[in-house]
Amino acid sequence: MSNIIAAADQGQQIHVASAWVLLLPWLILAVMLLYVLKCFRRGKIVGPMRTAEHERAGLFVLLFLASLLGGLLAAMIAAPLIRDPAWRSFAVGGVFNLAGALVLVMLNHRLRGDDGGRLGMRVGQIPRGLWQGAIGLVVLLPLVMVCGQVIEEVARWWNWALPTHEVLREMRSTDSWTEVVGLWVVAVVLAPIFEEMMFRGMMQSFLVKVLDRNQSRGSLQVGEEVWADHSVAALAGGRAIAARWGAIGITSLAFAAVHGEWLWMAPLFLLSAGLGYAYERTGNLWVSIIMHGLFNALQITIFMTAA
């Protein structure tokens, strides 16, 4: 028995060592890309304007709550109608995310007169969102994974049980491919769209408006190229920069708390901060949606492969 335990411990040590061997070069590459993309330059976070001067901050709170309630109401109506347990596990969550997103899109157009441009969700913004989101995840993923690896080692040292997300538990336990595919669609497509609309599109925009009263200073116009070298850094005042970082920080705390896994709070906060930075800099919500969706897809793939 002692030989078996020793072999298991040795295998675990090899697994941890292999993880660090892969992560550290990737982390160095990520830092280099951050430098190339000029993410360390003061003022680069101040991107396109997303709110009009006449818009009240309370409007974003109204849109946030209305879309949340719309999603909950739709899920409550749908739940009794779905009798198959395999379908219910993902269909209710899918209805919640889809209905909430539709309510938000409609109210954003009705109350703000926004066709999606200020929110950063025009169809024409998708191509740019795809490649910028892919690059963003290449930079962000090693930072989040290194943080997660540190959490795992601390938990292992103190014999803490690391929680597994309920969607991952369900995907591992089910024998139904219908349920697996349905859960994958919800986790990779629907949830990232709705969560990014809520946390980045509404909450973060609301906080920026509250924290930065003079938000027109140093901001680029919607649709303007933001990866080139602009003079925005010189135009953006310290208040504008601090307001955006403050909004990202508060939104990221809420994002990590909502997911309800306290041991994973730090990696979730870091992930959300990266998504928030990408949204602030580009003004394109598709960037953070693509990053979020690809991150979830990779996490599911790693988890299912390991299982």
Protein backbone atom coordinates (compact mmCIF):
# COMPACT_ATOMS: atom_id res chain seq x y z
CA MET A 1 0.00 0.00 0.00
CA SER A 2 2.82 2.40 0.87
CA ASN A 3 4.33 1.81 -2.59
CA ILE A 4 1.00 2.69 -4.20
CA ILE A 5 0.72 5.91 -2.17
CA ALA A 6 4.32 6.84 -2.99
CA ALA A 7 3.70 6.24 -6.68
CA ALA A 8 0.55 8.39 -6.56
CA ASP A 9 2.42 11.21 -4.82
CA GLN A 10 5.23 11.00 -7.37
CA GLY A 11 2.72 11.11 -10.23
CA GLN A 12 1.05 14.16 -8.70
CA GLN A 13 4.43 15.92 -8.35
CA ILE A 14 5.25 15.15 -11.99
CA HIS A 15 1.85 16.56 -13.03
CA VAL A 16 2.45 19.79 -11.08
CA ALA A 17 5.99 20.13 -12.45
CA SER A 18 4.75 19.60 -16.02
CA ALA A 19 2.08 22.28 -15.53
CA TRP A 20 4.69 24.84 -14.46
CA VAL A 21 7.02 23.88 -17.32
CA LEU A 22 4.21 24.67 -19.76
CA LEU A 23 2.85 27.75 -17.98
CA LEU A 24 6.02 29.74 -17.29
CA PRO A 25 7.17 30.15 -20.95
CA TRP A 26 3.57 31.00 -21.90
CA LEU A 27 3.47 33.57 -19.08
CA ILE A 28 6.68 35.19 -20.37
CA LEU A 29 5.20 35.30 -23.87
CA ALA A 30 2.01 36.89 -22.48
CA VAL A 31 3.99 39.65 -20.74
CA MET A 32 5.88 40.31 -23.98
CA LEU A 33 2.58 40.57 -25.88
CA LEU A 34 1.23 42.96 -23.25
CA TYR A 35 4.26 45.17 -23.94
CA VAL A 36 3.86 44.91 -27.73
CA LEU A 37 0.16 45.81 -27.45
CA LYS A 38 1.18 48.81 -25.30
CA CYS A 39 -1.02 47.71 -22.40
CA PHE A 40 1.47 49.19 -19.93
CA ARG A 41 1.14 52.70 -21.39
CA ARG A 42 -0.74 55.21 -19.28
CA GLY A 43 -4.11 56.07 -20.74
CA LYS A 44 -4.38 53.14 -23.16
CA ILE A 45 -7.35 51.85 -21.19
CA VAL A 46 -9.43 54.89 -22.18
CA GLY A 47 -11.14 53.74 -25.36
CA PRO A 48 -14.36 54.62 -27.21
CA MET A 49 -17.21 56.39 -25.46
CA ARG A 50 -20.21 54.18 -24.72
CA THR A 51 -22.59 56.59 -22.99
CA ALA A 52 -24.10 59.90 -24.00
CA GLU A 53 -23.72 62.95 -21.76
CA HIS A 54 -27.49 63.24 -21.24
CA GLU A 55 -27.90 59.61 -20.10
CA ARG A 56 -28.43 59.12 -16.39
CA ALA A 57 -26.47 56.44 -14.59
CA GLY A 58 -29.69 55.02 -13.14
CA LEU A 59 -30.75 53.97 -16.65
CA PHE A 60 -28.06 51.27 -16.64
CA VAL A 61 -29.31 49.99 -13.28
CA LEU A 62 -32.83 49.78 -14.74
CA LEU A 63 -31.61 47.87 -17.80
CA PHE A 64 -29.55 45.51 -15.63
CA LEU A 65 -32.44 44.67 -13.29
CA ALA A 66 -35.04 44.43 -16.08
CA SER A 67 -32.97 41.97 -18.11
CA LEU A 68 -32.20 39.91 -14.98
CA LEU A 69 -35.88 39.74 -14.06
CA GLY A 70 -36.83 38.97 -17.65
CA GLY A 71 -34.45 36.03 -17.72
CA LEU A 72 -35.66 34.73 -14.35
CA LEU A 73 -39.31 35.01 -15.36
CA ALA A 74 -38.71 33.16 -18.63
CA ALA A 75 -36.80 30.41 -16.81
CA MET A 76 -39.58 30.02 -14.23
CA ILE A 77 -42.17 29.67 -17.00
CA ALA A 78 -40.04 27.20 -18.97
CA ALA A 79 -39.01 24.94 -16.08
CA PRO A 80 -42.39 23.18 -15.55
CA LEU A 81 -42.81 22.71 -19.31
CA ILE A 82 -39.56 20.74 -19.71
CA ARG A 83 -40.25 17.25 -18.41
CA ASP A 84 -37.15 15.42 -19.62
CA PRO A 85 -34.46 15.73 -16.88
CA ALA A 86 -31.67 15.55 -19.47
CA TRP A 87 -33.11 18.57 -21.26
CA ARG A 88 -34.07 20.46 -18.10
CA SER A 89 -30.45 20.53 -16.87
CA PHE A 90 -29.39 22.88 -19.67
CA ALA A 91 -32.63 24.18 -21.20
CA VAL A 92 -33.64 26.27 -18.17
CA GLY A 93 -30.22 27.92 -18.06
CA GLY A 94 -30.33 28.48 -21.80
CA VAL A 95 -33.77 30.11 -21.60
CA PHE A 96 -32.58 32.35 -18.76
CA ASN A 97 -29.53 33.59 -20.66
CA LEU A 98 -31.30 33.93 -24.01
CA ALA A 99 -34.37 35.73 -22.63
CA GLY A 100 -32.25 38.05 -20.49
CA ALA A 101 -30.08 38.98 -23.46
CA LEU A 102 -33.10 39.64 -25.70
CA VAL A 103 -34.75 41.85 -23.04
CA LEU A 104 -31.53 43.82 -22.68
CA VAL A 105 -31.12 44.30 -26.44
CA MET A 106 -34.72 45.50 -26.83
CA LEU A 107 -34.64 47.87 -23.85
CA ASN A 108 -31.21 49.19 -24.84
CA HIS A 109 -32.66 50.10 -28.24
CA ARG A 110 -35.94 51.43 -26.83
CA LEU A 111 -34.64 53.48 -23.91
CA ARG A 112 -31.21 54.51 -25.20
CA GLY A 113 -31.89 54.62 -28.94
CA ASP A 114 -28.84 52.41 -29.38
CA ASP A 115 -28.66 50.07 -32.37
CA GLY A 116 -25.85 48.19 -30.63
CA GLY A 117 -22.98 50.47 -31.59
CA ARG A 118 -22.50 52.14 -28.21
CA LEU A 119 -22.91 48.81 -26.44
CA GLY A 120 -20.34 47.39 -28.83
CA MET A 121 -22.53 44.67 -30.35
CA ARG A 122 -23.08 45.64 -33.98
CA VAL A 123 -22.88 42.70 -36.39
CA GLY A 124 -20.12 44.54 -38.26
CA GLN A 125 -18.00 44.53 -35.12
CA ILE A 126 -17.90 40.72 -34.96
CA PRO A 127 -14.90 40.15 -37.30
CA ARG A 128 -12.70 42.53 -35.32
CA GLY A 129 -14.03 41.02 -32.11
CA LEU A 130 -13.02 37.54 -33.24
CA TRP A 131 -9.33 38.21 -33.84
CA GLN A 132 -8.92 40.71 -31.01
CA GLY A 133 -10.68 38.29 -28.64
CA ALA A 134 -8.42 35.43 -29.72
CA ILE A 135 -5.29 37.54 -29.16
CA GLY A 136 -6.67 38.76 -25.84
CA LEU A 137 -7.22 35.22 -24.59
CA VAL A 138 -3.69 34.17 -25.60
CA VAL A 139 -2.45 36.96 -23.34
CA LEU A 140 -4.95 36.52 -20.50
CA LEU A 141 -5.17 32.74 -20.22
CA PRO A 142 -1.67 32.05 -18.84
CA LEU A 143 -2.14 34.76 -16.19
CA VAL A 144 -5.39 33.15 -15.03
CA MET A 145 -3.98 29.62 -15.20
CA VAL A 146 -0.86 30.52 -13.19
CA CYS A 147 -3.11 32.06 -10.55
CA GLY A 148 -5.28 28.94 -10.58
CA GLN A 149 -2.23 26.68 -10.30
CA VAL A 150 -1.08 28.59 -7.22
CA ILE A 151 -4.56 28.17 -5.70
CA GLU A 152 -4.43 24.43 -6.39
CA GLU A 153 -1.05 24.05 -4.69
CA VAL A 154 -2.14 26.06 -1.65
CA ALA A 155 -5.33 23.99 -1.40
CA ARG A 156 -3.32 20.79 -1.72
CA TRP A 157 -0.93 21.96 1.03
CA TRP A 158 -3.82 22.71 3.42
CA ASN A 159 -5.94 19.75 2.32
CA TRP A 160 -8.77 21.96 1.11
CA ALA A 161 -11.35 20.47 -1.23
CA LEU A 162 -11.44 22.45 -4.45
CA PRO A 163 -15.00 23.03 -5.73
CA THR A 164 -16.03 21.99 -9.23
CA HIS A 165 -18.49 24.08 -11.21
CA GLU A 166 -21.97 22.54 -11.32
CA VAL A 167 -21.97 22.50 -15.13
CA LEU A 168 -18.71 20.53 -15.19
CA ARG A 169 -20.06 18.10 -12.59
CA GLU A 170 -23.18 17.58 -14.65
CA MET A 171 -21.21 17.04 -17.87
CA ARG A 172 -19.00 14.46 -16.19
CA SER A 173 -21.85 12.54 -14.54
CA THR A 174 -24.28 12.32 -17.47
CA ASP A 175 -24.39 9.60 -20.12
CA SER A 176 -26.53 11.69 -22.47
CA TRP A 177 -24.74 13.36 -25.37
CA THR A 178 -27.75 15.62 -25.80
CA GLU A 179 -27.20 16.97 -22.31
CA VAL A 180 -23.44 17.36 -22.86
CA VAL A 181 -23.93 19.31 -26.09
CA GLY A 182 -26.70 21.42 -24.54
CA LEU A 183 -24.59 22.30 -21.50
CA TRP A 184 -21.66 23.13 -23.79
CA VAL A 185 -23.78 25.53 -25.88
CA VAL A 186 -25.06 27.27 -22.74
CA ALA A 187 -21.58 27.54 -21.17
CA VAL A 188 -19.67 28.55 -24.31
CA VAL A 189 -22.22 30.63 -26.25
CA LEU A 190 -25.27 31.82 -24.32
CA ALA A 191 -23.80 32.46 -20.86
CA PRO A 192 -20.80 34.50 -22.14
CA ILE A 193 -23.09 36.69 -24.26
CA PHE A 194 -25.52 37.45 -21.44
CA GLU A 195 -22.89 37.78 -18.70
CA GLU A 196 -20.76 40.15 -20.78
CA MET A 197 -23.79 42.26 -21.65
CA MET A 198 -24.69 42.46 -17.96
CA PHE A 199 -21.31 42.85 -16.28
CA ARG A 200 -19.31 44.72 -18.92
CA GLY A 201 -22.03 46.35 -21.02
CA MET A 202 -24.25 47.53 -18.15
CA MET A 203 -22.50 47.37 -14.75
CA GLN A 204 -19.05 48.50 -15.88
CA SER A 205 -20.47 51.26 -18.09
CA PHE A 206 -22.64 52.43 -15.19
CA LEU A 207 -19.63 52.57 -12.84
CA VAL A 208 -17.49 54.44 -15.36
CA LYS A 209 -20.23 57.04 -15.76
CA VAL A 210 -20.57 57.42 -11.99
CA LEU A 211 -16.82 57.58 -11.30
CA ASP A 212 -15.86 59.76 -14.27
CA ARG A 213 -18.13 62.81 -14.60
CA ASN A 214 -15.96 64.26 -17.37
CA GLN A 215 -15.89 61.06 -19.40
CA SER A 216 -15.74 62.72 -22.81
CA ARG A 217 -12.15 63.81 -22.19
CA GLY A 218 -9.60 61.48 -23.72
CA SER A 219 -12.14 59.08 -25.21
CA LEU A 220 -12.16 57.88 -28.80
CA GLN A 221 -15.25 57.86 -30.96
CA VAL A 222 -17.14 54.61 -31.44
CA GLY A 223 -15.65 52.59 -34.29
CA GLU A 224 -12.32 54.42 -34.30
CA GLU A 225 -9.24 52.20 -34.58
CA VAL A 226 -7.95 51.67 -31.06
CA TRP A 227 -4.96 49.35 -31.55
CA ALA A 228 -2.91 51.99 -33.34
CA ASP A 229 -0.79 54.53 -31.49
CA HIS A 230 -3.16 57.34 -30.50
CA SER A 231 -2.62 60.51 -28.51
CA VAL A 232 -5.41 59.37 -26.19
CA ALA A 233 -2.85 58.70 -23.46
CA ALA A 234 -1.93 62.37 -23.46
CA LEU A 235 -5.57 63.47 -23.50
CA ALA A 236 -6.85 61.13 -20.81
CA GLY A 237 -6.71 62.67 -17.39
CA GLY A 238 -5.89 60.79 -14.23
CA ARG A 239 -9.57 60.80 -13.20
CA ALA A 240 -10.62 59.15 -16.47
CA ILE A 241 -8.01 56.42 -16.11
CA ALA A 242 -8.73 55.82 -12.42
CA ALA A 243 -12.48 55.69 -13.11
CA ARG A 244 -12.07 52.91 -15.61
CA TRP A 245 -9.77 50.85 -13.42
CA GLY A 246 -12.14 51.39 -10.51
CA ALA A 247 -15.10 50.25 -12.60
CA ILE A 248 -13.19 47.17 -13.73
CA GLY A 249 -12.22 46.33 -10.15
CA ILE A 250 -15.73 46.65 -8.71
CA THR A 251 -17.29 44.76 -11.63
CA SER A 252 -14.69 41.99 -11.29
CA LEU A 253 -15.43 41.60 -7.58
CA ALA A 254 -19.13 41.23 -8.40
CA PHE A 255 -18.37 38.80 -11.23
CA ALA A 256 -16.21 36.58 -8.99
CA ALA A 257 -18.71 36.71 -6.12
CA VAL A 258 -21.70 35.77 -8.30
CA HIS A 259 -19.98 32.56 -9.39
CA GLY A 260 -19.98 31.54 -5.71
CA GLU A 261 -16.70 29.61 -5.52
CA TRP A 262 -14.57 31.44 -2.96
CA LEU A 263 -11.41 29.40 -3.54
CA TRP A 264 -11.50 30.40 -7.20
CA MET A 265 -12.22 34.08 -6.47
CA ALA A 266 -8.70 35.26 -7.40
CA PRO A 267 -8.56 33.59 -10.87
CA LEU A 268 -12.14 34.68 -11.59
CA PHE A 269 -11.31 38.25 -10.57
CA LEU A 270 -8.24 38.22 -12.83
CA LEU A 271 -10.26 36.81 -15.73
CA SER A 272 -12.93 39.46 -15.29
CA ALA A 273 -10.34 42.25 -15.03
CA GLY A 274 -8.85 41.13 -18.36
CA LEU A 275 -12.28 41.07 -19.98
CA GLY A 276 -13.05 44.50 -18.53
CA TYR A 277 -9.78 45.97 -19.81
CA ALA A 278 -10.42 44.58 -23.30
CA TYR A 279 -13.89 46.14 -23.32
CA GLU A 280 -12.71 49.52 -22.05
CA ARG A 281 -9.91 49.72 -24.58
CA THR A 282 -11.82 48.55 -27.65
CA GLY A 283 -15.43 49.46 -26.89
CA ASN A 284 -16.28 46.20 -28.68
CA LEU A 285 -18.28 43.81 -26.50
CA TRP A 286 -17.66 40.98 -28.95
CA VAL A 287 -14.01 41.00 -27.86
CA SER A 288 -14.84 40.13 -24.26
CA ILE A 289 -17.60 37.73 -25.36
CA ILE A 290 -15.17 35.79 -27.57
CA MET A 291 -12.54 35.74 -24.82
CA HIS A 292 -15.09 34.54 -22.27
CA GLY A 293 -16.54 31.87 -24.58
CA LEU A 294 -13.13 30.52 -25.62
CA PHE A 295 -12.02 30.43 -21.98
CA ASN A 296 -15.07 28.38 -21.01
CA ALA A 297 -14.55 26.06 -23.99
CA LEU A 298 -10.92 25.43 -23.04
CA GLN A 299 -11.81 24.82 -19.40
CA ILE A 300 -14.48 22.29 -20.39
CA THR A 301 -12.09 20.57 -22.80
CA ILE A 302 -9.33 20.31 -20.20
CA PHE A 303 -11.74 19.07 -17.54
CA MET A 304 -13.39 16.44 -19.76
CA THR A 305 -10.04 15.26 -21.13
CA ALA A 306 -8.65 14.86 -17.62
CA ALA A 307 -11.79 13.02 -16.58
